[in-house]
Every structure is written in C-alpha cells, then in structure tokens.
Amino acid sequence: MGASCGLGSRRRGLLLAAAVAAVSALAFAGSAAAAPAPATAPATAGGGHYVALGDSYSSGAGVPTQVDTNCARSDHDYPGLVARAIGAASVTDVTCAGADTTDMAGRQGSAPPQLDALRPDTTLVSLGIGGNDLDLTGLLGRCLLLDALLPNGSACKTSYTLLGTDQVAARIDATAPKIDAVLRAIHARSPHARIALVGYPVILPDDGGSCHDIVGLSSGDAPWVRDEEKYLNTMLKEQATTYGATYVDTYTPAVGHDVCRPAGERWIEPTDDAEAAGLHPNAAGERSMAGATLSALGR
C-alpha cells in the first residue's frame, strides 16, 4: 500500500500543480482575451443598484453554468445569489478571475477597470479581492514541488522564512493599503453605497490537518498555509473595520467543508472538475458565501 499510495500522491500532486499553474490559486489567465461583458440583470422586485467586484472566488470559477468564459463567471456565483435574495432592481457583476487590486482602477488585459461599473446611485457593493496580490500561484507551486519531495516536513514554510521574515505575511501587510485605496475609490464613485468586503472561505482543514494524497501539501506546511489564509482574512477584516465597511466572514461557516473532505461534503474542489475550478468554491461553497454575505448585511 505504501508504494502504491506514494505514487498516487505524487501523481495527484503533479496534476494539482498543473491546475494551479493554469488557473492560479484564485485566478484564471484568460483575462487578456476579449473584454468580458458585465452581467447586468434587468429590473426586479425591490430596489437599488448592486455592483459586484472581485476575483475568481467571487466570480464562481468553473461553477456551472459559466456565462462569461473570459472571466470564469458563473450564473451561480455568490453575487448573483445575493442579488436575487435582496431583490436588487439591477445588478452589475464584473467579478473576473485573475483580478487583483490593480484591476479595480486599471484594465485587466482588455477588460475595463472594475470600478467603472460603479454609479452615483449604486446602493450596494460587494468586494472580494486580495488573494492574487499575494502571488498565491507562486506560493502553492513552490509548496507542491517541495512537498512532493518532503511530504512530512515543512519545506515550503522554511523556504519562505529563511531570512527570519515570513515573506507571505509581509505581502499581506503590503496589500492592506491597497485594499484601503480600493475602498476609498468605491466611496468616491458611489458615496451612498454600503460596501461589503468579503473574506475567503476555508480551503484547508481548520484543525491543521493535511491530506497529502488529495492536495499534495505536507503535514507541516498545510497548517502554515491555513494560517496565512487566516492572516489574510484578519487583514481584510481590519481594513473593513477601519474604513467602516461591512466585513463578511465566509471562513467560519465553511469550517468542516474544506478541500480534504469527500465529494458532497467539501465546498472547495481539489482539482478542475465539473463542479468548479481547482482550489475554488463549488456551487455549495458559493451558496455559503452568499449566505454569509446576506447575514452580514442583516438579510
């Protein structure tokens, strides 16, 4: 069993590494193609203009049905679910896989700046951003490579802390003022809008466990990567609190539904499949994120 299991682990690890390289931890590279069309819903019962900004965790990458392949946007992403639940008069969803904070005010390939979707009469804005600013593609790629060789150690953590500074945590700290700048830009364009800053859901087991045969991270690196995600969410919450935005905790409701769980229980898919892009929320995960957003908004 040991030899067979080890071979299977390496094969799955390599497949996951390929998927990560293709789509990134939070992103697709397709944003340089034709400009994506914003998803704008017609008037419905209720009122207000809702704008959804963000990356592939917000766009529902790979979740059926994909309505914008350029931005990997699903008609069942959490912004769409939120819009229907609150009865928004109109919704403009410009979430796009691969987006980072620079794509809010700048072009993402041929796609226009996401902030251009905002209007003076916009009443609600959700923002899910920050992960791609950390170069999570490089982080996971390095971890998967090192942990394929040392499945029981913490080689990846060691490589990022060799000089006594946690490089990933430093990137999170450097992203904080970028989040602040985006929040200020939203307010400048839509001064009456309520802003919901949406955090990231559970990816790896909250208890620090690992599933090397599924994800390929070592027993020492899995809890470190988990802690980095928690620190990212802590930073986002602090920025929301400082600015006066509403922070949406999508992590807590997702505990117990991490990528290591079996199909039907997990809300994060380990690799590209019919349910979602690899290391991204599936339809159940998007529903959970929608529920957390509605709860934070008092709905």
Foldseek 3Di string as FASTA:
>chain_A
DVVVLLVLLLVLLVQLLVLCLQANLFFHLLLQPAAWDWDKDAFWPAEFEEEEEEARLQQFALAPPQPTPSFSHHCLFLVNVLCVVRRYGMYTYPYGGPDALVQQCCPRNNYHHSVVVFAQRGAAYEYEHDPVLLVRSVLLSVQLVVCSVVQAEAVSQCVQCVVPDRSSLVSLVVCLVSVLVSVVSNCVRHVNYAYEYEADAAAAAPVQADDSSQQNGHSHNSSVVRVSSVSSLVSSVVSCVVVVHQYQDLHVVQHQQYCPDDPPRHQADCDNDNQRHHNHGGSVSSVSSSVSRCVSVVD
